[in-house]
Amino acid sequence: MIYLTRMNHVPMVLNADLIEHIETTPDTVISLTNGQKYVVLESARDIVDKVIAFRREISSAACYSRPQPGLER
């Protein structure tokens, strides 16, 4: 999930897994796989950076939660 801001300055949280593509027309329009579209204040680059940071956070959390061989109790 990533935090974004709609054009009317209302914050929103978006499921990053549903992003199909992002357009800059000149507003930033996010199209989701379910057909919904959102216009947000953040730039496409900012959104991509947020998605990358989110995926890194998920990936690092998964690495720490996995039991290591030989360390079972």
Protein backbone atom coordinates (compact mmCIF):
# COMPACT_ATOMS: atom_id res chain seq x y z
CA MET A 1 0.00 0.00 0.00
CA ILE A 2 1.26 3.47 -0.86
CA TYR A 3 0.10 6.87 0.40
CA LEU A 4 -0.95 9.39 -2.25
CA THR A 5 -2.88 12.66 -2.46
CA ARG A 6 -5.91 13.23 -4.68
CA MET A 7 -6.21 16.47 -6.65
CA ASN A 8 -8.54 17.92 -3.97
CA HIS A 9 -5.75 17.33 -1.37
CA VAL A 10 -7.54 14.40 0.25
CA PRO A 11 -5.07 11.68 1.25
CA MET A 12 -5.60 8.15 -0.01
CA VAL A 13 -3.94 4.77 0.31
CA LEU A 14 -3.59 2.73 -2.88
CA ASN A 15 -2.93 -0.96 -3.33
CA ALA A 16 0.29 -0.83 -5.39
CA ASP A 17 -0.31 -4.36 -6.69
CA LEU A 18 -3.28 -3.12 -8.73
CA ILE A 19 -1.42 -0.43 -10.71
CA GLU A 20 -1.55 -1.20 -14.42
CA HIS A 21 -0.01 2.01 -15.73
CA ILE A 22 0.60 5.67 -14.89
CA GLU A 23 0.02 8.55 -17.32
CA THR A 24 1.10 12.18 -17.11
CA THR A 25 -1.41 14.20 -19.15
CA PRO A 26 -0.33 16.81 -17.53
CA ASP A 27 -2.07 15.49 -14.38
CA THR A 28 -0.89 12.16 -13.05
CA VAL A 29 -3.50 9.48 -13.80
CA ILE A 30 -3.14 6.01 -12.28
CA SER A 31 -5.03 3.22 -14.03
CA LEU A 32 -5.69 0.07 -12.05
CA THR A 33 -6.19 -3.48 -13.29
CA ASN A 34 -9.85 -3.32 -12.22
CA GLY A 35 -10.53 -0.35 -14.55
CA GLN A 36 -10.58 2.36 -11.89
CA LYS A 37 -8.60 5.55 -12.47
CA TYR A 38 -7.27 8.04 -9.95
CA VAL A 39 -5.84 11.51 -10.54
CA VAL A 40 -3.23 12.41 -7.95
CA LEU A 41 -0.86 15.26 -7.11
CA GLU A 42 2.29 13.12 -7.03
CA SER A 43 4.40 12.75 -10.17
CA ALA A 44 4.79 9.43 -11.94
CA ARG A 45 8.41 9.27 -10.71
CA ASP A 46 7.28 9.80 -7.10
CA ILE A 47 4.71 7.01 -7.43
CA VAL A 48 7.27 4.61 -8.90
CA ASP A 49 9.67 5.46 -6.05
CA LYS A 50 6.93 4.78 -3.49
CA VAL A 51 6.11 1.42 -5.10
CA ILE A 52 9.80 0.44 -5.09
CA ALA A 53 10.15 1.43 -1.42
CA PHE A 54 6.99 -0.54 -0.57
CA ARG A 55 8.27 -3.66 -2.36
CA ARG A 56 11.67 -3.37 -0.62
CA GLU A 57 9.91 -3.14 2.74
CA ILE A 58 7.84 -6.24 1.98
CA SER A 59 10.87 -8.13 0.68
CA SER A 60 13.03 -7.33 3.70
CA ALA A 61 10.23 -8.27 6.10
CA ALA A 62 9.86 -11.62 4.32
CA CYS A 63 13.59 -12.31 4.66
CA TYR A 64 13.48 -11.80 8.43
CA SER A 65 10.34 -13.85 9.01
CA ARG A 66 11.63 -16.93 7.19
CA PRO A 67 13.26 -19.54 9.48
CA GLN A 68 16.94 -20.02 8.74
CA PRO A 69 18.19 -23.60 8.18
CA GLY A 70 19.78 -24.93 11.34
CA LEU A 71 18.27 -22.24 13.55
CA GLU A 72 14.97 -23.94 14.30
CA ARG A 73 14.07 -24.29 17.96
